[in-house]
Amino acid sequence: MIKKTSPDSRPDDLSSREKSRIVVAAALDKKADRPVLLDVRTLSSFADYFLICSGRSDRQVQAIADAIVDSQKRIGRRPLGVEGHAEGRWVLIDCGDVIVHVFHEPVREFYNLEKLWYNAPRLDLEASLNHSVPFSS
């Protein structure tokens, strides 16, 4: 049986902001460490938001990545790409306008993407999860 969706629930109708809320919630549900949501809209032509988070083991990194991929499937989207899942050291999930980096903590410290994107505003995760409160830096 094919499930049809109404135009209001089509995945493409979701804003990048709403997609970022969904991936943040999925990561936090799996106890992601030190999550940081960066607004790269003015700095990047390929994405609006980056989520950077960590796991304490390769299995936790994989579980966080799986939860994020599953969250996308639940809204009728498939990530454009997933890299590094088998190793569980650094998993990159391309959700289109939201890019997710899930690191094993030592790998995160080594690559230090937050420093690379130092001029990107960091968004308040509490506000990002609360639909009634707009994002704030």
C-alpha atoms as a PDB file:
ATOM      1  CA  MET A   1       0.000   0.000   0.000  1.00  0.00           C
ATOM      2  CA  ILE A   2       1.327   3.400  -0.978  1.00  0.00           C
ATOM      3  CA  LYS A   3       0.925   6.075   1.632  1.00  0.00           C
ATOM      4  CA  LYS A   4       0.196   9.455   0.130  1.00  0.00           C
ATOM      5  CA  THR A   5       1.052  12.615   1.960  1.00  0.00           C
ATOM      6  CA  SER A   6      -0.831  15.859   1.816  1.00  0.00           C
ATOM      7  CA  PRO A   7       0.953  18.892   0.357  1.00  0.00           C
ATOM      8  CA  ASP A   8       1.266  20.352   3.871  1.00  0.00           C
ATOM      9  CA  SER A   9       3.268  17.361   5.107  1.00  0.00           C
ATOM     10  CA  ARG A  10       5.651  17.032   2.178  1.00  0.00           C
ATOM     11  CA  PRO A  11       9.287  16.920   3.307  1.00  0.00           C
ATOM     12  CA  ASP A  12      10.252  19.782   0.997  1.00  0.00           C
ATOM     13  CA  ASP A  13       7.848  22.028   2.883  1.00  0.00           C
ATOM     14  CA  LEU A  14      10.035  21.786   5.981  1.00  0.00           C
ATOM     15  CA  SER A  15      12.332  24.720   6.539  1.00  0.00           C
ATOM     16  CA  SER A  16      16.010  24.138   7.196  1.00  0.00           C
ATOM     17  CA  ARG A  17      15.336  25.471  10.694  1.00  0.00           C
ATOM     18  CA  GLU A  18      12.718  22.770  11.324  1.00  0.00           C
ATOM     19  CA  LYS A  19      15.036  20.089   9.901  1.00  0.00           C
ATOM     20  CA  SER A  20      17.760  21.258  12.270  1.00  0.00           C
ATOM     21  CA  ARG A  21      15.331  20.943  15.204  1.00  0.00           C
ATOM     22  CA  ILE A  22      14.571  17.374  14.178  1.00  0.00           C
ATOM     23  CA  VAL A  23      18.230  16.317  13.957  1.00  0.00           C
ATOM     24  CA  VAL A  24      19.109  18.061  17.235  1.00  0.00           C
ATOM     25  CA  ALA A  25      16.274  16.241  19.010  1.00  0.00           C
ATOM     26  CA  ALA A  26      17.374  12.889  17.540  1.00  0.00           C
ATOM     27  CA  ALA A  27      20.985  13.429  18.645  1.00  0.00           C
ATOM     28  CA  LEU A  28      19.981  14.468  22.140  1.00  0.00           C
ATOM     29  CA  ASP A  29      17.676  11.471  22.410  1.00  0.00           C
ATOM     30  CA  LYS A  30      20.791   9.277  22.107  1.00  0.00           C
ATOM     31  CA  LYS A  31      22.681  11.352  24.694  1.00  0.00           C
ATOM     32  CA  ALA A  32      24.988  13.153  22.269  1.00  0.00           C
ATOM     33  CA  ASP A  33      27.743  15.053  24.083  1.00  0.00           C
ATOM     34  CA  ARG A  34      28.478  18.756  23.615  1.00  0.00           C
ATOM     35  CA  PRO A  35      26.037  19.418  20.758  1.00  0.00           C
ATOM     36  CA  VAL A  36      26.619  22.674  18.891  1.00  0.00           C
ATOM     37  CA  LEU A  37      24.288  24.013  16.212  1.00  0.00           C
ATOM     38  CA  LEU A  38      25.952  26.506  13.885  1.00  0.00           C
ATOM     39  CA  ASP A  39      24.095  28.883  11.579  1.00  0.00           C
ATOM     40  CA  VAL A  40      26.199  28.906   8.406  1.00  0.00           C
ATOM     41  CA  ARG A  41      23.617  30.502   6.098  1.00  0.00           C
ATOM     42  CA  THR A  42      25.733  33.608   5.508  1.00  0.00           C
ATOM     43  CA  LEU A  43      29.000  31.657   5.305  1.00  0.00           C
ATOM     44  CA  SER A  44      28.148  28.688   3.121  1.00  0.00           C
ATOM     45  CA  SER A  45      26.418  28.085  -0.187  1.00  0.00           C
ATOM     46  CA  PHE A  46      25.884  24.370   0.467  1.00  0.00           C
ATOM     47  CA  ALA A  47      24.164  24.313   3.883  1.00  0.00           C
ATOM     48  CA  ASP A  48      22.177  26.436   6.314  1.00  0.00           C
ATOM     49  CA  TYR A  49      23.045  24.659   9.571  1.00  0.00           C
ATOM     50  CA  PHE A  50      25.746  22.371  10.929  1.00  0.00           C
ATOM     51  CA  LEU A  51      25.144  20.166  13.924  1.00  0.00           C
ATOM     52  CA  ILE A  52      28.355  19.037  15.591  1.00  0.00           C
ATOM     53  CA  CYS A  53      28.127  16.541  18.429  1.00  0.00           C
ATOM     54  CA  SER A  54      30.081  13.704  20.037  1.00  0.00           C
ATOM     55  CA  GLY A  55      29.739  10.209  21.351  1.00  0.00           C
ATOM     56  CA  ARG A  56      31.924   8.510  23.933  1.00  0.00           C
ATOM     57  CA  SER A  57      32.414   5.318  21.921  1.00  0.00           C
ATOM     58  CA  ASP A  58      32.179   4.159  18.332  1.00  0.00           C
ATOM     59  CA  ARG A  59      28.895   2.418  19.160  1.00  0.00           C
ATOM     60  CA  GLN A  60      27.388   5.577  20.609  1.00  0.00           C
ATOM     61  CA  VAL A  61      28.525   7.556  17.549  1.00  0.00           C
ATOM     62  CA  GLN A  62      26.811   4.979  15.342  1.00  0.00           C
ATOM     63  CA  ALA A  63      23.650   5.047  17.494  1.00  0.00           C
ATOM     64  CA  ILE A  64      23.464   8.844  17.289  1.00  0.00           C
ATOM     65  CA  ALA A  65      23.953   8.698  13.513  1.00  0.00           C
ATOM     66  CA  ASP A  66      21.297   5.980  13.170  1.00  0.00           C
ATOM     67  CA  ALA A  67      18.819   8.057  15.193  1.00  0.00           C
ATOM     68  CA  ILE A  68      19.412  11.067  12.951  1.00  0.00           C
ATOM     69  CA  VAL A  69      18.964   9.009   9.775  1.00  0.00           C
ATOM     70  CA  ASP A  70      15.795   7.462  11.238  1.00  0.00           C
ATOM     71  CA  SER A  71      14.466  10.925  12.124  1.00  0.00           C
ATOM     72  CA  GLN A  72      14.851  11.914   8.488  1.00  0.00           C
ATOM     73  CA  LYS A  73      13.091   8.795   7.280  1.00  0.00           C
ATOM     74  CA  ARG A  74      10.169   9.519   9.632  1.00  0.00           C
ATOM     75  CA  ILE A  75       9.596  12.845   7.868  1.00  0.00           C
ATOM     76  CA  GLY A  76       9.809  11.202   4.465  1.00  0.00           C
ATOM     77  CA  ARG A  77      13.379  12.210   3.619  1.00  0.00           C
ATOM     78  CA  ARG A  78      16.501  10.215   3.088  1.00  0.00           C
ATOM     79  CA  PRO A  79      19.883  11.767   3.777  1.00  0.00           C
ATOM     80  CA  LEU A  80      21.764  12.638   0.592  1.00  0.00           C
ATOM     81  CA  GLY A  81      24.760  10.804   1.990  1.00  0.00           C
ATOM     82  CA  VAL A  82      26.178   9.128   5.071  1.00  0.00           C
ATOM     83  CA  GLU A  83      29.926   8.657   5.406  1.00  0.00           C
ATOM     84  CA  GLY A  84      32.031   7.009   8.116  1.00  0.00           C
ATOM     85  CA  HIS A  85      29.283   4.996   9.803  1.00  0.00           C
ATOM     86  CA  ALA A  86      31.133   1.658   9.742  1.00  0.00           C
ATOM     87  CA  GLU A  87      34.143   3.074  11.601  1.00  0.00           C
ATOM     88  CA  GLY A  88      32.152   5.121  14.112  1.00  0.00           C
ATOM     89  CA  ARG A  89      34.879   7.741  14.506  1.00  0.00           C
ATOM     90  CA  TRP A  90      33.378  10.582  12.450  1.00  0.00           C
ATOM     91  CA  VAL A  91      30.012  10.155  10.780  1.00  0.00           C
ATOM     92  CA  LEU A  92      28.979  12.816   8.287  1.00  0.00           C
ATOM     93  CA  ILE A  93      25.268  12.950   7.451  1.00  0.00           C
ATOM     94  CA  ASP A  94      24.213  15.213   4.590  1.00  0.00           C
ATOM     95  CA  CYS A  95      20.563  16.139   5.093  1.00  0.00           C
ATOM     96  CA  GLY A  96      20.648  18.732   2.329  1.00  0.00           C
ATOM     97  CA  ASP A  97      20.570  22.121   3.977  1.00  0.00           C
ATOM     98  CA  VAL A  98      21.499  20.622   7.355  1.00  0.00           C
ATOM     99  CA  ILE A  99      24.862  18.865   7.698  1.00  0.00           C
ATOM    100  CA  VAL A 100      25.510  16.699  10.755  1.00  0.00           C
ATOM    101  CA  HIS A 101      28.940  15.748  12.108  1.00  0.00           C
ATOM    102  CA  VAL A 102      28.905  13.051  14.793  1.00  0.00           C
ATOM    103  CA  PHE A 103      32.378  12.537  16.244  1.00  0.00           C
ATOM    104  CA  HIS A 104      34.063  10.204  18.655  1.00  0.00           C
ATOM    105  CA  GLU A 105      35.318  12.764  21.184  1.00  0.00           C
ATOM    106  CA  PRO A 106      39.092  12.493  20.495  1.00  0.00           C
ATOM    107  CA  VAL A 107      38.466  12.862  16.755  1.00  0.00           C
ATOM    108  CA  ARG A 108      36.321  15.938  17.377  1.00  0.00           C
ATOM    109  CA  GLU A 109      39.079  17.524  19.408  1.00  0.00           C
ATOM    110  CA  PHE A 110      41.628  16.774  16.674  1.00  0.00           C
ATOM    111  CA  TYR A 111      39.622  18.283  13.774  1.00  0.00           C
ATOM    112  CA  ASN A 112      38.032  21.076  15.862  1.00  0.00           C
ATOM    113  CA  LEU A 113      35.372  22.103  13.331  1.00  0.00           C
ATOM    114  CA  GLU A 114      34.022  24.659  15.777  1.00  0.00           C
ATOM    115  CA  LYS A 115      37.293  26.560  15.411  1.00  0.00           C
ATOM    116  CA  LEU A 116      37.192  26.272  11.625  1.00  0.00           C
ATOM    117  CA  TRP A 117      33.673  27.772  11.625  1.00  0.00           C
ATOM    118  CA  TYR A 118      34.426  30.216  14.477  1.00  0.00           C
ATOM    119  CA  ASN A 119      32.522  33.060  12.818  1.00  0.00           C
ATOM    120  CA  ALA A 120      29.282  31.061  12.502  1.00  0.00           C
ATOM    121  CA  PRO A 121      26.693  32.007  15.130  1.00  0.00           C
ATOM    122  CA  ARG A 122      26.025  29.246  17.671  1.00  0.00           C
ATOM    123  CA  LEU A 123      22.334  28.726  18.203  1.00  0.00           C
ATOM    124  CA  ASP A 124      20.632  28.123  21.500  1.00  0.00           C
ATOM    125  CA  LEU A 125      19.647  24.441  21.513  1.00  0.00           C
ATOM    126  CA  GLU A 126      16.906  24.984  24.084  1.00  0.00           C
ATOM    127  CA  ALA A 127      15.270  27.501  21.764  1.00  0.00           C
ATOM    128  CA  SER A 128      15.831  25.301  18.733  1.00  0.00           C
ATOM    129  CA  LEU A 129      13.842  22.487  20.332  1.00  0.00           C
ATOM    130  CA  ASN A 130      11.003  24.740  21.430  1.00  0.00           C
ATOM    131  CA  HIS A 131       8.828  25.444  18.410  1.00  0.00           C
ATOM    132  CA  SER A 132       7.299  28.543  19.978  1.00  0.00           C
ATOM    133  CA  VAL A 133      10.644  30.235  20.622  1.00  0.00           C
ATOM    134  CA  PRO A 134      12.673  31.518  17.662  1.00  0.00           C
ATOM    135  CA  PHE A 135      16.359  30.684  17.387  1.00  0.00           C
ATOM    136  CA  SER A 136      18.703  32.999  19.186  1.00  0.00           C
ATOM    137  CA  SER A 137      22.453  33.295  19.015  1.00  0.00           C
END
